[in-house]
N, C-alpha and C. Protein backbone atom coordinates (compact mmCIF):
# COMPACT_ATOMS: atom_id res chain seq x y z
N MET A 1 -7.30 18.15 -20.84
CA MET A 1 -7.17 17.85 -19.43
C MET A 1 -7.68 19.02 -18.61
N ASN A 2 -8.51 18.71 -17.61
CA ASN A 2 -9.03 19.73 -16.71
C ASN A 2 -7.87 20.25 -15.86
N PRO A 3 -7.67 21.56 -15.82
CA PRO A 3 -6.54 22.09 -15.05
C PRO A 3 -6.73 22.01 -13.53
N VAL A 4 -7.96 21.76 -13.07
CA VAL A 4 -8.24 21.66 -11.64
C VAL A 4 -8.40 20.19 -11.27
N VAL A 5 -7.69 19.77 -10.23
CA VAL A 5 -7.68 18.36 -9.83
C VAL A 5 -8.29 18.21 -8.44
N ARG A 6 -9.27 17.32 -8.38
CA ARG A 6 -9.85 16.89 -7.11
C ARG A 6 -9.89 15.37 -7.15
N THR A 7 -9.58 14.72 -6.02
CA THR A 7 -9.56 13.27 -6.01
C THR A 7 -9.97 12.72 -4.65
N ASP A 8 -10.65 11.58 -4.68
CA ASP A 8 -11.00 10.88 -3.44
C ASP A 8 -9.83 10.04 -2.93
N ALA A 9 -8.77 9.92 -3.72
CA ALA A 9 -7.60 9.12 -3.34
C ALA A 9 -6.73 9.84 -2.31
N ALA A 10 -7.00 11.13 -2.09
CA ALA A 10 -6.27 11.92 -1.09
C ALA A 10 -7.31 12.50 -0.13
N PRO A 11 -6.87 12.91 1.06
CA PRO A 11 -7.82 13.51 1.99
C PRO A 11 -8.46 14.76 1.40
N ALA A 12 -9.69 14.99 1.74
CA ALA A 12 -10.38 16.18 1.26
C ALA A 12 -9.68 17.43 1.78
N PRO A 13 -9.58 18.47 0.96
CA PRO A 13 -9.02 19.74 1.45
C PRO A 13 -9.83 20.25 2.64
N VAL A 14 -9.18 20.98 3.53
CA VAL A 14 -9.87 21.52 4.70
C VAL A 14 -10.45 22.90 4.42
N GLY A 15 -10.42 23.32 3.18
CA GLY A 15 -10.97 24.61 2.78
C GLY A 15 -11.48 24.55 1.35
N ALA A 16 -11.81 25.72 0.83
CA ALA A 16 -12.37 25.84 -0.52
C ALA A 16 -11.25 25.96 -1.55
N TYR A 17 -10.57 24.85 -1.83
CA TYR A 17 -9.50 24.83 -2.81
C TYR A 17 -9.35 23.41 -3.35
N PRO A 18 -8.78 23.27 -4.55
CA PRO A 18 -8.60 21.94 -5.13
C PRO A 18 -7.33 21.28 -4.60
N HIS A 19 -7.18 20.01 -4.88
CA HIS A 19 -5.94 19.31 -4.54
C HIS A 19 -4.76 19.85 -5.35
N ALA A 20 -5.02 20.18 -6.60
CA ALA A 20 -3.94 20.66 -7.47
C ALA A 20 -4.54 21.45 -8.62
N ARG A 21 -3.67 22.18 -9.29
CA ARG A 21 -4.07 22.93 -10.48
C ARG A 21 -2.91 22.97 -11.45
N ARG A 22 -3.23 22.66 -12.70
CA ARG A 22 -2.21 22.70 -13.74
C ARG A 22 -2.26 24.03 -14.46
N VAL A 23 -1.07 24.63 -14.64
CA VAL A 23 -0.93 25.86 -15.40
C VAL A 23 0.22 25.63 -16.36
N GLY A 24 -0.11 25.50 -17.64
CA GLY A 24 0.92 25.17 -18.63
C GLY A 24 1.54 23.83 -18.31
N ASP A 25 2.86 23.78 -18.23
CA ASP A 25 3.56 22.53 -17.93
C ASP A 25 3.81 22.34 -16.44
N LEU A 26 3.27 23.22 -15.61
CA LEU A 26 3.48 23.11 -14.17
C LEU A 26 2.21 22.65 -13.46
N LEU A 27 2.39 21.81 -12.46
CA LEU A 27 1.31 21.34 -11.62
C LEU A 27 1.59 21.82 -10.20
N PHE A 28 0.67 22.60 -9.65
CA PHE A 28 0.81 23.15 -8.31
C PHE A 28 -0.11 22.38 -7.37
N LEU A 29 0.46 21.73 -6.38
CA LEU A 29 -0.33 21.02 -5.38
C LEU A 29 -0.63 21.96 -4.22
N SER A 30 -1.86 21.93 -3.75
CA SER A 30 -2.20 22.64 -2.52
C SER A 30 -1.49 21.95 -1.38
N GLY A 31 -1.43 22.59 -0.23
CA GLY A 31 -0.80 21.97 0.93
C GLY A 31 -1.42 20.61 1.21
N VAL A 32 -0.57 19.60 1.39
CA VAL A 32 -1.02 18.24 1.62
C VAL A 32 -0.54 17.80 3.00
N GLY A 33 -1.47 17.33 3.81
CA GLY A 33 -1.13 16.84 5.14
C GLY A 33 -1.24 15.33 5.23
N PRO A 34 -1.05 14.79 6.43
CA PRO A 34 -1.01 13.35 6.60
C PRO A 34 -2.34 12.71 7.00
N ARG A 35 -3.45 13.37 6.76
CA ARG A 35 -4.73 12.74 7.10
C ARG A 35 -4.98 11.53 6.19
N VAL A 36 -5.67 10.53 6.71
CA VAL A 36 -5.98 9.32 5.95
C VAL A 36 -7.18 9.61 5.05
N PRO A 37 -7.06 9.34 3.75
CA PRO A 37 -8.20 9.58 2.85
C PRO A 37 -9.45 8.82 3.31
N GLY A 38 -10.57 9.50 3.28
CA GLY A 38 -11.84 8.86 3.63
C GLY A 38 -12.19 8.94 5.10
N SER A 39 -11.20 8.91 5.99
CA SER A 39 -11.53 8.90 7.42
C SER A 39 -11.08 10.17 8.13
N ASN A 40 -10.11 10.86 7.56
CA ASN A 40 -9.50 12.04 8.16
C ASN A 40 -8.73 11.74 9.44
N ALA A 41 -8.52 10.46 9.76
CA ALA A 41 -7.68 10.10 10.89
C ALA A 41 -6.25 10.57 10.62
N ILE A 42 -5.53 10.88 11.67
CA ILE A 42 -4.14 11.32 11.54
C ILE A 42 -3.26 10.24 12.15
N PRO A 43 -2.49 9.54 11.33
CA PRO A 43 -1.67 8.43 11.84
C PRO A 43 -0.73 8.89 12.96
N GLY A 44 -0.71 8.10 14.03
CA GLY A 44 0.22 8.37 15.11
C GLY A 44 -0.23 9.39 16.14
N ASN A 45 -1.37 10.04 15.93
CA ASN A 45 -1.84 11.00 16.93
C ASN A 45 -2.45 10.26 18.11
N VAL A 46 -2.12 10.72 19.32
CA VAL A 46 -2.67 10.16 20.55
C VAL A 46 -3.37 11.29 21.29
N HIS A 47 -4.62 11.04 21.68
CA HIS A 47 -5.42 12.05 22.38
C HIS A 47 -5.75 11.56 23.79
N ASP A 48 -5.92 12.49 24.72
CA ASP A 48 -6.34 12.12 26.07
C ASP A 48 -7.86 11.95 26.10
N ALA A 49 -8.41 11.67 27.27
CA ALA A 49 -9.84 11.41 27.42
C ALA A 49 -10.69 12.62 27.02
N ASP A 50 -10.10 13.81 27.08
CA ASP A 50 -10.83 15.02 26.70
C ASP A 50 -10.65 15.40 25.22
N GLY A 51 -9.93 14.55 24.48
CA GLY A 51 -9.74 14.79 23.06
C GLY A 51 -8.56 15.68 22.72
N ARG A 52 -7.76 16.07 23.72
CA ARG A 52 -6.59 16.90 23.45
C ARG A 52 -5.44 16.05 22.94
N LEU A 53 -4.72 16.58 21.97
CA LEU A 53 -3.56 15.89 21.43
C LEU A 53 -2.46 15.86 22.49
N VAL A 54 -1.96 14.66 22.81
CA VAL A 54 -0.91 14.55 23.82
C VAL A 54 0.40 13.99 23.24
N ALA A 55 0.34 13.37 22.07
CA ALA A 55 1.54 12.83 21.43
C ALA A 55 1.25 12.58 19.96
N TYR A 56 2.33 12.52 19.18
CA TYR A 56 2.19 12.17 17.77
C TYR A 56 3.44 11.45 17.32
N ASP A 57 3.31 10.75 16.20
CA ASP A 57 4.40 9.97 15.62
C ASP A 57 4.77 10.61 14.28
N ILE A 58 5.89 11.34 14.25
CA ILE A 58 6.27 12.04 13.03
C ILE A 58 6.57 11.07 11.90
N GLU A 59 7.10 9.90 12.19
CA GLU A 59 7.38 8.93 11.13
C GLU A 59 6.08 8.49 10.45
N ALA A 60 5.07 8.17 11.24
CA ALA A 60 3.79 7.77 10.66
C ALA A 60 3.19 8.91 9.84
N GLN A 61 3.32 10.14 10.33
CA GLN A 61 2.78 11.27 9.58
C GLN A 61 3.56 11.52 8.29
N CYS A 62 4.88 11.38 8.33
CA CYS A 62 5.68 11.55 7.11
C CYS A 62 5.27 10.53 6.05
N ARG A 63 5.18 9.28 6.45
CA ARG A 63 4.82 8.23 5.48
C ARG A 63 3.45 8.50 4.86
N GLN A 64 2.50 8.95 5.68
CA GLN A 64 1.16 9.22 5.16
C GLN A 64 1.14 10.45 4.25
N VAL A 65 1.86 11.50 4.62
CA VAL A 65 1.86 12.70 3.78
C VAL A 65 2.52 12.40 2.43
N PHE A 66 3.57 11.59 2.41
CA PHE A 66 4.19 11.23 1.14
C PHE A 66 3.22 10.40 0.29
N ALA A 67 2.47 9.50 0.92
CA ALA A 67 1.46 8.72 0.18
C ALA A 67 0.38 9.64 -0.38
N ASN A 68 -0.02 10.65 0.39
CA ASN A 68 -1.06 11.58 -0.08
C ASN A 68 -0.57 12.43 -1.24
N VAL A 69 0.68 12.87 -1.18
CA VAL A 69 1.24 13.63 -2.31
C VAL A 69 1.26 12.75 -3.56
N ARG A 70 1.69 11.51 -3.40
CA ARG A 70 1.71 10.58 -4.54
C ARG A 70 0.31 10.41 -5.13
N ALA A 71 -0.70 10.31 -4.27
CA ALA A 71 -2.08 10.14 -4.75
C ALA A 71 -2.55 11.35 -5.55
N VAL A 72 -2.22 12.55 -5.11
CA VAL A 72 -2.60 13.75 -5.86
C VAL A 72 -1.85 13.81 -7.18
N LEU A 73 -0.58 13.49 -7.16
CA LEU A 73 0.20 13.47 -8.41
C LEU A 73 -0.43 12.50 -9.41
N GLU A 74 -0.71 11.29 -8.96
CA GLU A 74 -1.27 10.28 -9.87
C GLU A 74 -2.64 10.70 -10.39
N ALA A 75 -3.47 11.31 -9.55
CA ALA A 75 -4.78 11.79 -10.00
C ALA A 75 -4.64 12.91 -11.02
N SER A 76 -3.49 13.57 -11.00
CA SER A 76 -3.21 14.67 -11.92
C SER A 76 -2.51 14.22 -13.20
N GLY A 77 -2.21 12.93 -13.28
CA GLY A 77 -1.47 12.41 -14.44
C GLY A 77 0.02 12.63 -14.32
N ALA A 78 0.50 12.89 -13.11
CA ALA A 78 1.92 13.13 -12.88
C ALA A 78 2.53 11.95 -12.13
N ARG A 79 3.85 11.95 -12.05
CA ARG A 79 4.61 10.92 -11.33
C ARG A 79 5.44 11.57 -10.23
N TRP A 80 5.86 10.77 -9.29
CA TRP A 80 6.74 11.23 -8.20
C TRP A 80 7.98 11.90 -8.77
N GLN A 81 8.53 11.34 -9.82
CA GLN A 81 9.75 11.85 -10.45
C GLN A 81 9.55 13.21 -11.11
N ASP A 82 8.30 13.64 -11.29
CA ASP A 82 8.02 14.93 -11.91
C ASP A 82 8.13 16.10 -10.92
N LEU A 83 8.28 15.80 -9.63
CA LEU A 83 8.39 16.87 -8.64
C LEU A 83 9.65 17.69 -8.88
N VAL A 84 9.50 19.01 -8.85
CA VAL A 84 10.65 19.91 -9.04
C VAL A 84 10.88 20.82 -7.84
N ASP A 85 9.86 20.99 -6.99
CA ASP A 85 10.01 21.87 -5.84
C ASP A 85 9.10 21.37 -4.73
N VAL A 86 9.66 21.23 -3.53
CA VAL A 86 8.91 20.75 -2.37
C VAL A 86 9.18 21.70 -1.20
N THR A 87 8.10 22.26 -0.66
CA THR A 87 8.20 23.07 0.55
C THR A 87 7.57 22.26 1.67
N VAL A 88 8.31 22.11 2.76
CA VAL A 88 7.86 21.29 3.88
C VAL A 88 7.70 22.18 5.11
N PHE A 89 6.58 22.02 5.78
CA PHE A 89 6.29 22.76 7.00
C PHE A 89 6.28 21.77 8.17
N LEU A 90 7.12 22.01 9.16
CA LEU A 90 7.17 21.18 10.37
C LEU A 90 6.78 22.05 11.57
N THR A 91 5.94 21.51 12.45
CA THR A 91 5.53 22.28 13.62
C THR A 91 6.53 22.17 14.77
N ASP A 92 7.47 21.24 14.69
CA ASP A 92 8.52 21.14 15.71
C ASP A 92 9.83 20.74 15.04
N MET A 93 10.51 21.73 14.50
CA MET A 93 11.73 21.49 13.74
C MET A 93 12.77 20.74 14.58
N GLN A 94 12.98 21.17 15.80
CA GLN A 94 14.02 20.56 16.62
C GLN A 94 13.74 19.09 16.90
N ARG A 95 12.51 18.74 17.20
CA ARG A 95 12.15 17.37 17.54
C ARG A 95 12.08 16.48 16.31
N ASP A 96 11.56 17.01 15.20
CA ASP A 96 11.16 16.15 14.09
C ASP A 96 12.06 16.16 12.87
N PHE A 97 12.96 17.13 12.75
CA PHE A 97 13.73 17.25 11.51
C PHE A 97 14.53 16.00 11.17
N ALA A 98 15.22 15.41 12.11
CA ALA A 98 16.09 14.26 11.80
C ALA A 98 15.28 13.09 11.23
N VAL A 99 14.15 12.77 11.82
CA VAL A 99 13.32 11.66 11.32
C VAL A 99 12.77 12.02 9.94
N TYR A 100 12.20 13.20 9.83
CA TYR A 100 11.66 13.65 8.54
C TYR A 100 12.75 13.63 7.46
N ASN A 101 13.93 14.13 7.76
CA ASN A 101 15.01 14.20 6.78
C ASN A 101 15.45 12.81 6.33
N ARG A 102 15.50 11.86 7.25
CA ARG A 102 15.84 10.47 6.91
C ARG A 102 14.79 9.87 5.97
N LEU A 103 13.53 10.07 6.29
CA LEU A 103 12.46 9.53 5.45
C LEU A 103 12.39 10.24 4.10
N TYR A 104 12.63 11.53 4.11
CA TYR A 104 12.65 12.28 2.85
C TYR A 104 13.72 11.69 1.93
N ALA A 105 14.91 11.43 2.46
CA ALA A 105 15.98 10.84 1.66
C ALA A 105 15.57 9.48 1.10
N GLU A 106 14.83 8.71 1.87
CA GLU A 106 14.35 7.40 1.43
C GLU A 106 13.34 7.54 0.29
N TYR A 107 12.35 8.38 0.48
CA TYR A 107 11.26 8.52 -0.50
C TYR A 107 11.69 9.29 -1.75
N PHE A 108 12.63 10.21 -1.59
CA PHE A 108 13.00 11.07 -2.71
C PHE A 108 14.32 10.65 -3.36
N ALA A 109 14.80 9.47 -3.08
CA ALA A 109 16.03 8.97 -3.71
C ALA A 109 15.84 9.01 -5.23
N GLY A 110 16.76 9.65 -5.94
CA GLY A 110 16.69 9.74 -7.39
C GLY A 110 15.79 10.85 -7.92
N VAL A 111 15.16 11.61 -7.04
CA VAL A 111 14.31 12.74 -7.44
C VAL A 111 15.08 14.01 -7.14
N ASP A 112 15.33 14.80 -8.16
CA ASP A 112 16.14 16.01 -7.99
C ASP A 112 15.28 17.25 -7.77
N ALA A 113 14.33 17.14 -6.85
CA ALA A 113 13.47 18.30 -6.54
C ALA A 113 14.20 19.24 -5.58
N CYS A 114 14.01 20.52 -5.79
CA CYS A 114 14.49 21.50 -4.81
C CYS A 114 13.63 21.35 -3.56
N ARG A 115 14.18 21.73 -2.40
CA ARG A 115 13.44 21.56 -1.16
C ARG A 115 13.71 22.72 -0.22
N THR A 116 12.66 23.17 0.44
CA THR A 116 12.75 24.15 1.52
C THR A 116 11.98 23.58 2.69
N THR A 117 12.57 23.62 3.88
CA THR A 117 11.90 23.14 5.09
C THR A 117 11.78 24.30 6.07
N LEU A 118 10.56 24.53 6.53
CA LEU A 118 10.27 25.65 7.43
C LEU A 118 9.71 25.13 8.74
N GLY A 119 10.16 25.71 9.84
CA GLY A 119 9.56 25.46 11.13
C GLY A 119 8.47 26.49 11.37
N ILE A 120 7.28 26.01 11.69
CA ILE A 120 6.15 26.91 11.92
C ILE A 120 5.49 26.56 13.25
N SER A 121 4.66 27.45 13.76
CA SER A 121 4.07 27.22 15.08
C SER A 121 2.84 26.32 15.06
N ALA A 122 2.10 26.28 13.95
CA ALA A 122 0.88 25.47 13.92
C ALA A 122 0.41 25.29 12.48
N LEU A 123 -0.42 24.27 12.31
CA LEU A 123 -1.12 24.03 11.05
C LEU A 123 -2.62 23.98 11.37
N PRO A 124 -3.49 24.08 10.36
CA PRO A 124 -4.92 24.22 10.65
C PRO A 124 -5.58 23.01 11.32
N THR A 125 -4.98 21.85 11.23
CA THR A 125 -5.49 20.65 11.89
C THR A 125 -4.36 20.10 12.75
N PRO A 126 -4.60 19.15 13.63
CA PRO A 126 -3.54 18.68 14.54
C PRO A 126 -2.54 17.75 13.83
N ILE A 127 -1.82 18.32 12.88
CA ILE A 127 -0.79 17.59 12.15
C ILE A 127 0.56 18.24 12.39
N ALA A 128 1.62 17.48 12.21
CA ALA A 128 2.97 17.98 12.48
C ALA A 128 3.74 18.31 11.21
N ILE A 129 3.19 17.94 10.04
CA ILE A 129 3.89 18.14 8.77
C ILE A 129 2.88 18.41 7.66
N GLU A 130 3.29 19.28 6.73
CA GLU A 130 2.49 19.54 5.53
C GLU A 130 3.47 19.81 4.40
N LEU A 131 3.13 19.35 3.19
CA LEU A 131 3.97 19.58 2.01
C LEU A 131 3.23 20.42 0.99
N LYS A 132 3.96 21.30 0.35
CA LYS A 132 3.48 22.12 -0.78
C LYS A 132 4.40 21.82 -1.93
N CYS A 133 3.88 21.30 -3.03
CA CYS A 133 4.73 20.77 -4.10
C CYS A 133 4.40 21.37 -5.46
N VAL A 134 5.41 21.38 -6.32
CA VAL A 134 5.26 21.77 -7.73
C VAL A 134 5.89 20.66 -8.56
N ALA A 135 5.18 20.25 -9.60
CA ALA A 135 5.70 19.24 -10.53
C ALA A 135 5.76 19.84 -11.92
N TRP A 136 6.70 19.35 -12.70
CA TRP A 136 6.84 19.76 -14.10
C TRP A 136 6.40 18.63 -15.00
N LEU A 137 5.46 18.94 -15.90
CA LEU A 137 4.89 17.92 -16.78
C LEU A 137 5.33 18.11 -18.22
N GLY A 138 6.30 18.95 -18.44
CA GLY A 138 6.71 19.29 -19.80
C GLY A 138 7.55 18.24 -20.51
N ALA A 139 8.04 17.26 -19.79
CA ALA A 139 8.91 16.24 -20.41
C ALA A 139 8.11 15.20 -21.19
N ARG A 140 6.81 15.34 -21.22
CA ARG A 140 5.98 14.32 -21.87
C ARG A 140 5.47 14.76 -23.22
């Protein structure tokens, strides 16, 4: 198995890095955002006539980012249940945490991954959430 994973099933990285890399029994995912694969559209973003972001839908972004993480896992030969550590970056903790936390509980039911959630001031593209994940593949 190639330790470096790239896939068209997830949005292209915004820099010079792979979607994931396997080292031994661990799979490290690069930061995954909620862009739509193939189009780079960001679900729920609303722009004004000048192209400035004026609103976003954190629920739509959460659902898309979880789908993108799943796509990278599957391209890597991993499953959702293989996740052992999830770091979540939110650009507006006060506004978005409750919705994100509710959806996280829905998507991660039965998955005993450790989780850290950080409030940050910005991400490289106009997104409100990004996930950094580690999966363990040693049970196979």
